[in-house]
Protein backbone atom coordinates (compact mmCIF):
# COMPACT_ATOMS: atom_id res chain seq x y z
CA UNK A 1 22.65 66.92 -0.13
CA UNK A 2 19.11 68.14 -1.16
CA UNK A 3 18.76 68.78 -4.98
CA UNK A 4 15.86 71.11 -4.05
CA UNK A 5 15.54 73.66 -7.10
CA UNK A 6 12.55 75.39 -7.32
CA UNK A 7 8.83 75.91 -5.44
CA UNK A 8 6.03 76.23 -7.75
CA UNK A 9 2.43 76.68 -8.03
CA UNK A 10 0.84 73.74 -9.72
CA UNK A 11 -2.10 76.34 -11.35
CA UNK A 12 -0.35 78.93 -12.73
CA UNK A 13 3.56 77.54 -13.02
CA UNK A 14 4.69 80.64 -10.87
CA UNK A 15 8.11 79.82 -9.47
CA UNK A 16 8.99 80.95 -6.21
CA UNK A 17 12.45 81.33 -4.29
CA UNK A 18 13.06 78.03 -2.71
CA UNK A 19 15.38 78.99 0.16
CA UNK A 20 13.31 81.73 1.57
CA UNK A 21 10.09 80.63 3.84
CA UNK A 22 6.93 80.37 1.45
CA UNK A 23 3.22 80.01 1.99
CA UNK A 24 1.13 79.37 -0.85
CA UNK A 25 0.21 81.45 -4.29
CA UNK A 26 -1.63 84.10 -3.09
CA UNK A 27 -2.72 84.73 -7.21
CA UNK A 28 -4.24 81.07 -7.49
CA UNK A 29 -4.94 80.38 -3.85
CA UNK A 30 -3.11 77.25 -4.47
CA UNK A 31 -0.38 75.38 -2.48
CA UNK A 32 3.06 75.29 -3.59
CA UNK A 33 5.13 72.19 -4.67
CA UNK A 34 8.88 71.57 -4.06
CA UNK A 35 10.88 70.86 -7.54
CA UNK A 36 13.93 68.88 -7.35
CA UNK A 37 16.83 68.62 -10.12
CA UNK A 38 15.75 65.24 -11.44
CA UNK A 39 18.48 65.43 -13.82
CA UNK A 40 21.07 65.53 -11.43
CA UNK A 41 19.28 62.96 -9.28
CA UNK A 42 19.22 60.54 -12.23
CA UNK A 43 22.50 60.76 -12.40
CA UNK A 44 23.90 60.77 -8.64
CA UNK A 45 21.26 59.04 -6.80
CA UNK A 46 20.84 55.10 -6.91
CA UNK A 47 17.79 53.63 -5.46
CA UNK A 48 20.36 50.67 -4.08
CA UNK A 49 22.16 52.70 -2.17
CA UNK A 50 19.13 54.75 -0.69
CA UNK A 51 18.30 51.07 0.43
CA UNK A 52 21.55 50.52 2.18
CA UNK A 53 21.43 53.56 4.40
CA UNK A 54 20.38 53.79 7.72
CA UNK A 55 16.62 53.16 8.10
CA UNK A 56 14.33 55.92 8.26
CA UNK A 57 12.65 59.07 6.12
CA UNK A 58 16.10 60.93 5.82
CA UNK A 59 17.69 58.47 3.77
CA UNK A 60 15.99 60.08 0.88
CA UNK A 61 17.44 62.91 1.82
CA UNK A 62 18.73 64.36 -1.76
CA UNK A 63 14.75 64.08 -2.89
CA UNK A 64 13.69 66.31 0.21
CA UNK A 65 13.95 70.21 0.88
CA UNK A 66 16.37 70.00 3.88
CA UNK A 67 20.15 70.79 3.12
CA UNK A 68 21.91 70.98 6.16
CA UNK A 69 22.02 67.62 8.07
CA UNK A 70 22.11 69.10 11.43
CA UNK A 71 18.61 70.66 10.67
CA UNK A 72 17.28 67.02 9.87
CA UNK A 73 15.35 66.64 13.30
CA UNK A 74 14.15 62.92 13.57
CA UNK A 75 12.45 60.43 16.03
CA UNK A 76 12.18 57.53 14.08
CA UNK A 77 9.90 58.39 11.40
CA UNK A 78 9.49 56.35 8.15
CA UNK A 79 9.95 52.78 6.82
CA UNK A 80 6.92 51.78 8.36
CA UNK A 81 5.88 47.97 7.81
CA UNK A 82 4.39 46.79 4.49
CA UNK A 83 2.01 44.11 5.77
CA UNK A 84 0.55 41.04 4.04
CA UNK A 85 -2.88 40.26 4.82
CA UNK A 86 -3.51 36.79 4.03
CA UNK A 87 -6.58 35.90 6.72
CA UNK A 88 -8.60 39.04 5.02
CA UNK A 89 -7.49 38.35 1.64
CA UNK A 90 -8.85 34.96 2.03
CA UNK A 91 -12.02 35.70 3.47
CA UNK A 92 -12.73 38.49 0.71
CA UNK A 93 -11.47 36.03 -2.09
CA UNK A 94 -8.69 38.11 -2.67
CA UNK A 95 -5.20 37.47 -4.62
CA UNK A 96 -3.30 40.10 -2.76
CA UNK A 97 -3.99 42.45 -0.01
CA UNK A 98 -1.66 44.51 1.74
CA UNK A 99 -1.41 47.06 4.35
CA UNK A 100 1.30 49.94 4.81
CA UNK A 101 0.90 50.56 8.62
CA UNK A 102 1.85 54.10 9.92
CA UNK A 103 1.09 53.30 13.44
CA UNK A 104 4.76 52.87 14.29
CA UNK A 105 5.46 56.39 13.48
CA UNK A 106 6.38 58.80 16.48
CA UNK A 107 3.33 60.17 17.81
CA UNK A 108 1.35 57.43 16.53
CA UNK A 109 0.62 58.61 12.87
CA UNK A 110 1.65 59.23 9.31
CA UNK A 111 1.39 62.98 10.36
CA UNK A 112 4.93 62.65 11.98
CA UNK A 113 6.68 62.04 8.40
CA UNK A 114 5.15 65.56 7.47
CA UNK A 115 6.16 67.70 10.44
CA UNK A 116 9.42 66.14 10.61
CA UNK A 117 10.29 67.56 7.01
CA UNK A 118 8.15 70.73 7.83
CA UNK A 119 9.92 71.54 11.20
CA UNK A 120 13.17 70.84 9.76
CA UNK A 121 12.93 73.09 6.98
CA UNK A 122 11.49 75.65 8.84
CA UNK A 123 14.23 75.71 11.41
CA UNK A 124 16.81 75.66 8.71
CA UNK A 125 15.33 78.88 7.16
CA UNK A 126 15.33 80.47 10.28
CA UNK A 127 11.77 80.23 11.60
CA UNK A 128 11.21 79.58 15.14
CA UNK A 129 7.57 79.67 16.00
CA UNK A 130 4.41 77.89 14.63
CA UNK A 131 0.76 77.61 14.78
CA UNK A 132 -1.39 75.10 13.27
CA UNK A 133 -5.10 73.98 13.54
CA UNK A 134 -5.60 70.29 14.07
CA UNK A 135 -8.19 67.63 14.74
CA UNK A 136 -5.71 65.96 16.99
CA UNK A 137 -2.66 64.12 15.12
CA UNK A 138 -1.09 66.82 13.42
CA UNK A 139 -0.90 68.67 16.70
CA UNK A 140 0.39 66.01 18.48
CA UNK A 141 3.61 65.79 15.75
CA UNK A 142 4.07 69.24 15.66
CA UNK A 143 4.33 69.42 19.56
CA UNK A 144 6.75 66.31 19.39
CA UNK A 145 8.97 68.10 16.65
CA UNK A 146 8.90 71.42 17.99
CA UNK A 147 10.14 70.16 21.18
CA UNK A 148 12.72 68.01 19.55
CA UNK A 149 14.03 70.96 17.29
CA UNK A 150 13.85 73.76 20.42
CA UNK A 151 11.22 75.48 18.70
CA UNK A 152 7.83 77.16 19.93
CA UNK A 153 4.34 75.77 18.89
CA UNK A 154 0.69 77.16 19.33
CA UNK A 155 -1.96 74.78 18.72
CA UNK A 156 -5.88 75.60 17.99
CA UNK A 157 -8.03 72.68 18.31
CA UNK A 158 -11.85 72.18 18.19
CA UNK A 159 -13.02 72.12 21.62
CA UNK A 160 -14.92 68.53 21.18
CA UNK A 161 -11.63 67.23 20.40
CA UNK A 162 -11.17 63.41 21.90
CA UNK A 163 -9.30 63.59 25.27
CA UNK A 164 -6.36 61.48 23.84
CA UNK A 165 -4.94 64.17 21.50
CA UNK A 166 -5.29 67.10 24.07
CA UNK A 167 -3.43 64.90 26.47
CA UNK A 168 -0.74 64.07 24.22
CA UNK A 169 -0.09 67.79 23.17
CA UNK A 170 -0.09 68.75 26.74
CA UNK A 171 2.07 66.33 27.59
CA UNK A 172 4.96 68.05 26.01
CA UNK A 173 4.10 71.42 27.75
CA UNK A 174 2.63 73.18 24.92
CA UNK A 175 -0.61 74.52 25.47
CA UNK A 176 -4.11 74.35 23.17
CA UNK A 177 -6.22 76.94 22.22
CA UNK A 178 -9.90 75.44 22.22
CA UNK A 179 -12.30 76.41 19.47
CA UNK A 180 -16.03 76.55 19.33
CA UNK A 181 -16.59 74.58 16.08
CA UNK A 182 -14.98 72.21 13.36
CA UNK A 183 -12.03 72.19 12.13
CA UNK A 184 -12.43 74.92 9.43
CA UNK A 185 -13.16 77.20 12.39
CA UNK A 186 -9.95 76.28 14.06
CA UNK A 187 -8.15 76.78 10.97
CA UNK A 188 -9.49 80.37 10.47
CA UNK A 189 -8.64 80.96 14.22
CA UNK A 190 -5.02 79.36 13.71
CA UNK A 191 -4.14 81.98 10.83
CA UNK A 192 -5.46 84.97 12.19
CA UNK A 193 -3.52 84.60 14.99
CA UNK A 194 -0.55 83.73 13.08
CA UNK A 195 -0.64 86.99 11.07
CA UNK A 196 -1.17 88.72 14.28
CA UNK A 197 2.08 87.32 15.87
CA UNK A 198 4.06 86.65 13.03
CA UNK A 199 4.05 82.69 13.69
CA UNK A 200 4.69 80.23 10.80
CA UNK A 201 1.60 78.69 9.91
CA UNK A 202 1.75 74.85 9.86
CA UNK A 203 -1.71 73.84 8.47
CA UNK A 204 -2.28 71.47 5.72
CA UNK A 205 -1.08 72.64 2.19
CA UNK A 206 -0.62 75.86 3.57
CA UNK A 207 3.28 75.44 3.62
CA UNK A 208 5.27 73.43 0.98
CA UNK A 209 6.86 70.81 3.07
CA UNK A 210 4.77 68.54 5.14
CA UNK A 211 3.57 67.09 1.81
CA UNK A 212 7.44 66.38 1.18
CA UNK A 213 7.63 63.86 4.22
CA UNK A 214 4.36 62.11 3.09
CA UNK A 215 5.52 61.68 -0.45
CA UNK A 216 8.12 59.18 1.08
CA UNK A 217 5.06 56.81 1.63
CA UNK A 218 5.16 56.43 -2.06
CA UNK A 219 8.95 56.08 -2.35
CA UNK A 220 8.66 53.27 0.37
CA UNK A 221 5.57 51.34 -1.18
CA UNK A 222 7.63 51.11 -4.40
CA UNK A 223 10.63 50.00 -2.56
CA UNK A 224 9.03 47.47 -0.84
CA UNK A 225 7.14 45.94 -3.98
CA UNK A 226 10.23 45.53 -5.91
CA UNK A 227 9.70 49.02 -7.62
CA UNK A 228 6.39 47.81 -9.25
CA UNK A 229 3.13 49.54 -8.84
CA UNK A 230 0.32 47.69 -6.78
CA UNK A 231 -2.86 48.01 -8.90
CA UNK A 232 -5.03 50.06 -6.52
CA UNK A 233 -4.47 52.01 -3.37
CA UNK A 234 -7.24 52.89 -1.09
CA UNK A 235 -6.47 55.81 1.14
CA UNK A 236 -8.40 57.67 3.83
CA UNK A 237 -8.64 61.46 2.89
CA UNK A 238 -9.09 64.52 4.74
CA UNK A 239 -6.75 67.31 3.79
CA UNK A 240 -5.27 64.88 1.24
CA UNK A 241 -1.29 65.64 1.78
CA UNK A 242 -0.74 61.85 1.76
CA UNK A 243 -2.64 61.12 -1.84
CA UNK A 244 -1.03 64.14 -2.97
CA UNK A 245 2.63 63.35 -1.97
CA UNK A 246 2.57 59.81 -2.97
CA UNK A 247 1.07 61.00 -6.91
CA UNK A 248 4.02 63.37 -6.36
CA UNK A 249 6.85 60.68 -5.92
CA UNK A 250 5.30 58.38 -8.70
CA UNK A 251 5.98 61.64 -10.75
CA UNK A 252 9.43 61.72 -9.70
CA UNK A 253 10.23 58.13 -9.44
CA UNK A 254 9.13 57.55 -13.09
CA UNK A 255 11.44 60.73 -14.05
CA UNK A 256 14.61 58.89 -12.19
CA UNK A 257 13.55 55.74 -14.09
CA UNK A 258 13.02 53.98 -11.10
CA UNK A 259 9.47 52.59 -12.25
CA UNK A 260 7.66 51.95 -14.86
CA UNK A 261 3.92 50.84 -15.94
CA UNK A 262 0.61 51.72 -15.18
CA UNK A 263 -0.03 53.38 -12.19
CA UNK A 264 -2.41 52.37 -9.46
CA UNK A 265 -6.00 53.67 -9.27
CA UNK A 266 -6.26 55.91 -6.57
CA UNK A 267 -9.03 55.32 -4.11
CA UNK A 268 -10.09 58.28 -1.96
CA UNK A 269 -11.96 56.78 0.90
CA UNK A 270 -14.25 59.39 3.27
CA UNK A 271 -16.66 59.43 5.89
CA UNK A 272 -20.44 59.34 4.89
CA UNK A 273 -20.80 62.23 7.42
CA UNK A 274 -18.19 64.16 5.67
CA UNK A 275 -17.40 63.25 2.19
CA UNK A 276 -16.86 66.59 0.36
CA UNK A 277 -14.49 65.02 -2.27
CA UNK A 278 -16.05 61.61 -2.90
CA UNK A 279 -19.03 64.17 -3.48
CA UNK A 280 -16.81 66.40 -6.09
CA UNK A 281 -15.58 63.17 -7.80
CA UNK A 282 -19.37 61.54 -8.18
CA UNK A 283 -20.60 64.85 -9.71
CA UNK A 284 -17.68 65.65 -12.29
CA UNK A 285 -16.85 69.03 -10.16
CA UNK A 286 -13.41 71.31 -10.73
CA UNK A 287 -13.74 72.19 -7.18
CA UNK A 288 -14.77 70.72 -3.63
CA UNK A 289 -17.18 72.67 -1.97
CA UNK A 290 -17.25 72.81 1.70
CA UNK A 291 -19.63 70.13 3.78
CA UNK A 292 -21.99 71.27 6.04
CA UNK A 293 -22.66 69.67 9.34
CA UNK A 294 -19.45 67.33 9.40
CA UNK A 295 -19.58 64.46 11.79
CA UNK A 296 -17.71 61.36 12.00
CA UNK A 297 -15.84 59.28 14.67
CA UNK A 298 -12.80 59.57 12.34
CA UNK A 299 -11.34 63.05 13.45
CA UNK A 300 -8.85 62.86 10.72
CA UNK A 301 -11.68 62.27 8.17
CA UNK A 302 -13.90 65.26 9.69
CA UNK A 303 -12.27 67.83 7.18
CA UNK A 304 -15.22 69.98 5.81
CA UNK A 305 -12.72 72.09 3.64
CA UNK A 306 -10.04 70.98 1.49
CA UNK A 307 -7.78 73.69 0.50
CA UNK A 308 -5.73 71.35 -1.83
CA UNK A 309 -9.05 70.35 -3.83
CA UNK A 310 -7.80 70.96 -7.29
CA UNK A 311 -4.74 68.61 -7.15
CA UNK A 312 -6.54 65.83 -5.25
CA UNK A 313 -9.24 65.32 -7.81
CA UNK A 314 -6.72 65.61 -10.49
CA UNK A 315 -4.10 62.75 -9.06
CA UNK A 316 -7.66 60.77 -8.50
CA UNK A 317 -9.14 61.22 -12.00
CA UNK A 318 -5.76 60.86 -13.68
CA UNK A 319 -5.58 57.70 -12.44
CA UNK A 320 -8.82 56.34 -13.23
CA UNK A 321 -9.53 56.10 -9.71
CA UNK A 322 -12.66 56.76 -7.56
CA UNK A 323 -13.97 58.07 -4.15
CA UNK A 324 -16.04 56.07 -1.77
CA UNK A 325 -17.79 57.26 1.56
CA UNK A 326 -18.28 54.59 4.15
CA UNK A 327 -20.82 54.70 7.46
CA UNK A 328 -20.07 54.89 10.50
CA UNK A 329 -21.17 51.45 11.38
CA UNK A 330 -19.01 49.86 8.70
CA UNK A 331 -15.45 51.61 9.66
CA UNK A 332 -16.11 50.08 12.99
CA UNK A 333 -16.69 46.82 12.08
CA UNK A 334 -13.63 47.03 10.13
CA UNK A 335 -11.53 48.08 12.76
CA UNK A 336 -12.92 44.96 14.56
CA UNK A 337 -12.24 42.85 11.47
CA UNK A 338 -8.33 44.10 11.16
CA UNK A 339 -7.75 43.33 14.88
CA UNK A 340 -9.88 39.97 14.98
CA UNK A 341 -8.19 38.44 11.63
CA UNK A 342 -5.04 40.25 11.29
CA UNK A 343 -3.77 41.54 14.91
CA UNK A 344 -3.53 45.13 13.58
CA UNK A 345 -5.29 47.72 15.57
CA UNK A 346 -5.72 50.21 13.09
CA UNK A 347 -6.98 53.97 13.65
CA UNK A 348 -10.67 54.47 12.42
CA UNK A 349 -9.33 56.36 9.37
CA UNK A 350 -7.26 53.44 8.67
CA UNK A 351 -10.23 51.03 9.05
CA UNK A 352 -12.13 53.26 6.60
CA UNK A 353 -10.00 51.91 3.71
CA UNK A 354 -11.19 48.53 4.69
CA UNK A 355 -14.53 49.28 4.70
CA UNK A 356 -14.12 51.11 0.96
CA UNK A 357 -12.49 47.96 -0.16
CA UNK A 358 -15.68 45.77 0.59
CA UNK A 359 -17.98 48.38 -1.01
CA UNK A 360 -15.89 48.32 -4.21
CA UNK A 361 -15.75 44.64 -4.45
CA UNK A 362 -19.23 44.39 -4.01
CA UNK A 363 -20.06 46.47 -6.80
CA UNK A 364 -17.25 45.12 -9.32
CA UNK A 365 -14.86 48.51 -9.04
CA UNK A 366 -11.98 46.57 -7.79
CA UNK A 367 -11.36 42.72 -9.20
CA UNK A 368 -10.09 39.66 -6.58
CA UNK A 369 -7.10 39.44 -9.13
CA UNK A 370 -5.62 42.74 -8.38
CA UNK A 371 -2.55 43.62 -6.00
CA UNK A 372 -4.58 46.00 -3.49
CA UNK A 373 -3.01 48.33 -1.01
CA UNK A 374 -4.92 49.81 2.29
CA UNK A 375 -3.48 52.67 4.39
CA UNK A 376 -3.66 52.44 7.94
CA UNK A 377 -2.75 55.88 9.15
CA UNK A 378 -2.35 55.69 12.46
CA UNK A 379 -2.50 53.69 15.80
CA UNK A 380 -6.15 52.32 16.78
CA UNK A 381 -5.04 52.66 20.68
CA UNK A 382 -5.75 56.69 20.66
CA UNK A 383 -9.70 55.48 19.76
CA UNK A 384 -9.56 52.92 22.91
CA UNK A 385 -9.13 55.60 25.33
């Protein structure tokens, strides 16, 4: 059922064989992106039919890269709720404020979407042993899907990672290799081990399939809004897979004739202690430079180096969006506000989007009449343990 047609480098336009394992474009040092036969999809795939299928990420199978249904491993990911937040909207003087809540995904975060597709496609291509660097949630997601598929995973994690993430991974029986340093150090260690032992690297944007799982968030939000765009999306940005995935979904949905109109402004939200993308947007640079001395309690935002920087910056700029960095104090206050006013126990990364919204409302960069969407990318339970 998959209409995958090619894998392409977004920088040089180079085409890569879609039915063998692929990693990155070595010429451009760029991520690769999956392309689909959207002309055929426009004739054969009906969005109303998709809506009537069983719930979950795999109902979008034609627009995902896994062809063999027996290799579509699932733990119930996708179709997360789109929540109205009327109490916060009233408090902030807003007409429409929504939150896409990813906390109900397996392993408690949106990482499950990407890993479900990446593990499934890798397994379909004959790969059985994976490696990944992680700040926490991506490792937990790889662990559960690797176990589900009967594969082997090797997980490299900064040695100061919260205990809850260690416990989650170790509960699956998968061992962790702890690294002295931040995620970029773990990334180098994982890459070296992968080359040495022949393990397939599942690091952010080092393979072309995780972003495909994340893009389904874009389809789901369009469906929830009656195939109309919101005005503004605030997204917590670490590696940027979700932001890139949604922008890709918008490209595809427009080509399919499913949506039209003005795309939302994409607002990238980062922590003040680690804001490399926000800095690049502010300074007008074409590349994101590594952030020195990254510090934030929001582990998913503590990403000093961004591999997909060119794609992320293009998406934000094309949308007329901006970047905003928020303080630790404001992140924790926003987490409290979501819990006390809406009953939503958001992760710190998700809470950062509310903190960013408050800042942009105060500066006049978001108008109270706009339809605004926040993303909570995981459960706040992990930050309480």
